Protein backbone atom coordinates (compact mmCIF):
# COMPACT_ATOMS: atom_id res chain seq x y z
CA UNK A 1 60.62 9.08 -36.34
CA UNK A 2 57.07 10.68 -35.67
CA UNK A 3 56.05 13.43 -33.14
CA UNK A 4 53.54 11.45 -31.02
CA UNK A 5 50.28 13.48 -30.44
CA UNK A 6 47.68 12.27 -28.22
CA UNK A 7 44.35 14.27 -28.62
CA UNK A 8 42.30 14.18 -25.84
CA UNK A 9 38.34 13.97 -26.14
CA UNK A 10 38.15 14.88 -29.75
CA UNK A 11 34.53 13.82 -30.03
CA UNK A 12 33.31 16.33 -27.38
CA UNK A 13 35.82 19.05 -27.26
CA UNK A 14 36.03 20.67 -30.49
CA UNK A 15 34.13 23.88 -30.11
CA UNK A 16 35.26 26.85 -32.72
CA UNK A 17 36.99 24.59 -34.78
CA UNK A 18 39.70 23.61 -32.12
CA UNK A 19 40.19 20.91 -33.70
CA UNK A 20 42.03 22.83 -36.55
CA UNK A 21 44.93 23.44 -34.45
CA UNK A 22 45.95 19.73 -34.71
CA UNK A 23 45.82 20.20 -38.80
CA UNK A 24 47.83 23.25 -38.52
CA UNK A 25 50.79 21.52 -36.46
CA UNK A 26 50.48 18.63 -38.55
CA UNK A 27 51.27 20.41 -41.81
CA UNK A 28 53.93 22.58 -40.20
CA UNK A 29 55.68 19.52 -39.32
CA UNK A 30 55.59 17.94 -42.61
CA UNK A 31 56.68 21.01 -43.96
CA UNK A 32 59.69 20.54 -42.22
CA UNK A 33 60.08 16.99 -43.05
CA UNK A 34 58.19 15.61 -39.77
CA UNK A 35 55.07 13.57 -39.12
CA UNK A 36 52.69 13.52 -36.47
CA UNK A 37 51.47 10.27 -35.48
CA UNK A 38 47.69 11.50 -33.47
CA UNK A 39 45.87 9.17 -31.66
CA UNK A 40 42.57 9.91 -30.15
CA UNK A 41 42.53 9.58 -26.01
CA UNK A 42 38.86 9.48 -25.34
CA UNK A 43 36.50 8.54 -22.02
CA UNK A 44 37.62 5.11 -20.15
CA UNK A 45 41.05 5.18 -22.11
CA UNK A 46 44.39 4.81 -20.43
CA UNK A 47 46.60 7.65 -20.89
CA UNK A 48 50.26 6.59 -20.79
CA UNK A 49 52.44 9.57 -19.80
CA UNK A 50 55.25 8.38 -21.70
CA UNK A 51 53.69 7.71 -24.46
CA UNK A 52 53.41 11.26 -26.21
CA UNK A 53 55.42 14.22 -26.98
CA UNK A 54 52.54 16.42 -27.22
CA UNK A 55 49.05 16.36 -25.68
CA UNK A 56 45.79 18.56 -26.68
CA UNK A 57 42.59 19.22 -25.49
CA UNK A 58 40.12 21.40 -27.26
CA UNK A 59 37.14 23.68 -25.72
CA UNK A 60 33.46 22.36 -25.30
CA UNK A 61 30.47 23.89 -23.84
CA UNK A 62 29.00 23.17 -20.07
CA UNK A 63 27.51 19.58 -21.18
CA UNK A 64 30.69 18.36 -23.06
CA UNK A 65 32.92 19.45 -19.75
CA UNK A 66 30.58 17.58 -17.44
CA UNK A 67 30.36 14.47 -19.56
CA UNK A 68 34.60 14.43 -19.71
CA UNK A 69 35.35 15.89 -16.48
CA UNK A 70 35.24 12.79 -13.99
CA UNK A 71 37.40 10.96 -16.69
CA UNK A 72 39.83 14.04 -16.67
CA UNK A 73 40.06 13.55 -12.91
CA UNK A 74 40.70 9.83 -13.31
CA UNK A 75 43.66 10.54 -15.64
CA UNK A 76 44.88 13.31 -13.65
CA UNK A 77 48.19 11.51 -12.28
CA UNK A 78 49.15 10.66 -15.84
CA UNK A 79 48.45 14.02 -16.95
CA UNK A 80 50.92 15.63 -14.24
CA UNK A 81 53.42 13.03 -14.53
CA UNK A 82 53.56 13.85 -18.80
CA UNK A 83 53.80 17.70 -17.48
CA UNK A 84 56.58 16.63 -15.16
CA UNK A 85 58.32 14.84 -17.89
CA UNK A 86 58.13 18.02 -20.04
CA UNK A 87 55.53 16.44 -22.58
CA UNK A 88 54.32 19.44 -24.65
CA UNK A 89 50.40 20.06 -23.48
CA UNK A 90 48.29 22.92 -25.30
CA UNK A 91 44.44 23.12 -23.38
CA UNK A 92 42.08 25.59 -24.95
CA UNK A 93 38.76 27.16 -23.39
CA UNK A 94 37.02 23.88 -21.90
CA UNK A 95 39.96 21.97 -21.79
CA UNK A 96 41.94 24.34 -19.94
CA UNK A 97 39.58 24.89 -17.38
CA UNK A 98 39.96 21.11 -16.60
CA UNK A 99 43.34 21.24 -16.29
CA UNK A 100 42.83 23.68 -13.41
CA UNK A 101 42.24 22.16 -9.97
CA UNK A 102 38.30 22.61 -10.30
CA UNK A 103 35.54 23.98 -12.32
CA UNK A 104 32.15 25.76 -10.17
CA UNK A 105 29.33 26.67 -12.02
CA UNK A 106 26.60 29.21 -11.14
CA UNK A 107 24.95 26.61 -8.85
CA UNK A 108 27.85 25.90 -6.75
CA UNK A 109 27.95 22.26 -8.26
CA UNK A 110 32.17 21.44 -8.83
CA UNK A 111 33.62 19.36 -11.62
CA UNK A 112 36.57 18.16 -11.08
CA UNK A 113 40.20 19.17 -12.55
CA UNK A 114 43.32 17.64 -13.57
CA UNK A 115 45.01 20.11 -10.99
CA UNK A 116 47.71 20.08 -13.86
CA UNK A 117 47.90 24.01 -14.09
CA UNK A 118 47.68 26.32 -10.94
CA UNK A 119 44.33 27.55 -11.17
CA UNK A 120 40.51 27.10 -10.96
CA UNK A 121 37.71 28.54 -12.44
CA UNK A 122 34.00 29.85 -11.24
CA UNK A 123 31.38 30.48 -13.47
CA UNK A 124 30.18 34.51 -13.82
CA UNK A 125 27.02 36.04 -14.85
CA UNK A 126 28.51 37.88 -17.96
CA UNK A 127 29.64 35.89 -20.86
CA UNK A 128 33.01 37.64 -22.07
CA UNK A 129 33.47 37.46 -25.67
CA UNK A 130 35.43 38.99 -28.58
CA UNK A 131 38.81 39.16 -30.33
CA UNK A 132 41.61 39.38 -27.76
CA UNK A 133 45.05 40.05 -28.33
CA UNK A 134 47.80 39.31 -25.83
CA UNK A 135 51.61 40.45 -25.24
CA UNK A 136 53.66 37.35 -24.51
CA UNK A 137 56.72 39.10 -22.96
CA UNK A 138 58.60 35.51 -22.34
CA UNK A 139 58.23 34.87 -26.37
CA UNK A 140 58.91 38.43 -27.48
CA UNK A 141 55.80 38.02 -29.63
CA UNK A 142 51.86 38.82 -29.60
CA UNK A 143 48.75 36.04 -29.69
CA UNK A 144 45.29 37.02 -31.21
CA UNK A 145 42.66 34.96 -30.97
CA UNK A 146 38.58 34.72 -29.98
CA UNK A 147 37.22 34.42 -26.58
CA UNK A 148 33.68 33.38 -25.60
CA UNK A 149 33.18 32.14 -21.97
CA UNK A 150 31.56 33.19 -18.91
CA UNK A 151 33.94 30.73 -16.47
CA UNK A 152 36.35 33.37 -14.41
CA UNK A 153 39.83 31.66 -14.13
CA UNK A 154 42.17 32.75 -11.29
CA UNK A 155 45.97 31.74 -11.49
CA UNK A 156 47.76 30.79 -8.20
CA UNK A 157 50.01 33.39 -6.60
CA UNK A 158 53.08 33.19 -9.01
CA UNK A 159 51.37 31.19 -11.63
CA UNK A 160 52.52 32.41 -14.89
CA UNK A 161 49.90 33.49 -17.29
CA UNK A 162 50.58 32.77 -20.91
CA UNK A 163 50.14 36.46 -21.89
CA UNK A 164 49.23 39.82 -20.95
CA UNK A 165 45.75 41.28 -22.22
CA UNK A 166 46.47 44.38 -24.83
CA UNK A 167 42.31 44.30 -25.86
CA UNK A 168 39.72 42.01 -24.44
CA UNK A 169 39.03 40.00 -21.24
CA UNK A 170 41.21 37.46 -20.48
CA UNK A 171 40.76 35.01 -17.50
CA UNK A 172 38.81 36.96 -15.69
CA UNK A 173 37.98 40.45 -16.84
CA UNK A 174 39.95 42.09 -13.98
CA UNK A 175 43.54 40.39 -13.52
CA UNK A 176 44.95 41.44 -17.18
CA UNK A 177 46.23 38.05 -17.08
CA UNK A 178 45.20 35.53 -20.24
CA UNK A 179 46.28 31.82 -20.09
CA UNK A 180 48.45 30.12 -18.03
CA UNK A 181 51.86 28.37 -18.70
CA UNK A 182 53.81 26.01 -16.55
CA UNK A 183 56.92 24.26 -18.08
CA UNK A 184 55.68 22.81 -21.28
CA UNK A 185 52.12 23.29 -20.40
CA UNK A 186 50.36 26.02 -22.00
CA UNK A 187 46.61 26.67 -21.23
CA UNK A 188 44.52 29.83 -23.08
CA UNK A 189 40.87 30.94 -23.97
CA UNK A 190 42.19 31.86 -27.27
CA UNK A 191 39.61 29.78 -29.87
CA UNK A 192 39.47 30.83 -33.96
CA UNK A 193 41.34 28.20 -33.92
CA UNK A 194 44.40 29.40 -32.21
CA UNK A 195 47.22 28.37 -34.35
CA UNK A 196 46.41 29.45 -37.86
CA UNK A 197 46.70 32.99 -36.97
CA UNK A 198 49.71 32.26 -34.31
CA UNK A 199 51.99 30.71 -36.47
CA UNK A 200 54.99 31.26 -34.22
CA UNK A 201 52.93 29.50 -31.04
CA UNK A 202 52.40 26.62 -33.45
CA UNK A 203 56.29 26.18 -34.18
CA UNK A 204 57.32 27.16 -30.30
CA UNK A 205 54.79 23.88 -29.55
CA UNK A 206 56.61 21.77 -32.38
CA UNK A 207 60.27 22.50 -31.38
CA UNK A 208 59.12 21.44 -27.41
CA UNK A 209 57.40 18.60 -28.56
CA UNK A 210 60.68 17.46 -31.13
CA UNK A 211 63.34 18.16 -28.27
CA UNK A 212 61.07 15.82 -25.70
CA UNK A 213 61.12 13.32 -28.61
CA UNK A 214 64.66 13.45 -29.25
CA UNK A 215 65.61 13.88 -25.41
CA UNK A 216 67.79 17.03 -26.36
CA UNK A 217 67.84 20.88 -26.87
CA UNK A 218 64.97 22.50 -28.41
CA UNK A 219 65.70 22.38 -32.43
CA UNK A 220 65.73 25.55 -34.71
CA UNK A 221 62.95 25.16 -37.02
CA UNK A 222 63.37 26.02 -40.60
CA UNK A 223 61.44 29.57 -41.20
CA UNK A 224 58.41 29.69 -43.40
CA UNK A 225 57.06 32.16 -45.45
CA UNK A 226 53.92 32.85 -43.14
CA UNK A 227 51.89 35.46 -45.44
CA UNK A 228 48.47 34.34 -45.15
CA UNK A 229 49.26 33.42 -41.38
CA UNK A 230 50.67 37.12 -40.59
CA UNK A 231 47.69 38.48 -42.38
CA UNK A 232 45.37 36.16 -40.27
CA UNK A 233 47.10 37.46 -37.19
CA UNK A 234 46.62 41.32 -38.03
CA UNK A 235 42.99 40.98 -39.03
CA UNK A 236 42.12 39.16 -35.24
CA UNK A 237 44.63 41.66 -33.69
CA UNK A 238 43.18 44.96 -35.55
CA UNK A 239 39.54 43.30 -34.43
CA UNK A 240 40.53 43.63 -30.84
CA UNK A 241 41.98 46.47 -31.31
CA UNK A 242 38.67 48.20 -32.55
CA UNK A 243 36.84 46.73 -29.23
CA UNK A 244 38.17 49.86 -27.43
CA UNK A 245 41.04 48.85 -25.27
CA UNK A 246 41.04 46.32 -22.29
CA UNK A 247 37.77 45.50 -20.44
CA UNK A 248 39.12 45.55 -16.62
């Protein structure tokens, strides 16, 4: 049996090689004897909420976000149904913003969102750029990546962040939060791409997707050596630490 993956808007949302996250998931699944069946879902395509174990949305610049925003809103019911059914969702940067209620640009224009994650985003004047390190207490691990965004993302009261900022800006440069998680849905600003330097998180997503596919408990995946992956994580984390601490 295959892990069914829906890759939303790959031709629009692939800044900073975010497509590489799919490659990492595919290879780490293959090493454990599983196969990813990846289907591109684009503007005008119907999204069937029960057709996938994992959905992925990459990042894009303002122009690309504007091109897909109305279609994201049209798929909102299906996206929300998928999350309610515990389908795994990973959304990065622009994709992360579009899974909130809306994105408001500096002119006050709003792009509609899917209202999947409890948040909204407002464009700021200053871009927040650089390596970032997160403490993900819920997993007992850290995430390292690269952020480059002008949007300030604000979580609703009680919403769960993906992690707390150790070094870097995070969602808004003020709250100390980065990303958001709800059930099996995860949003983050971390590019780079994210998963090559954070193999534990790739395996977390895969295990949850396998549990959804099989309708059972989250399986324990066979450990991998991850020597190069650990080195990549530490290089990114060290760059974040060298920035001189938090920026809020």
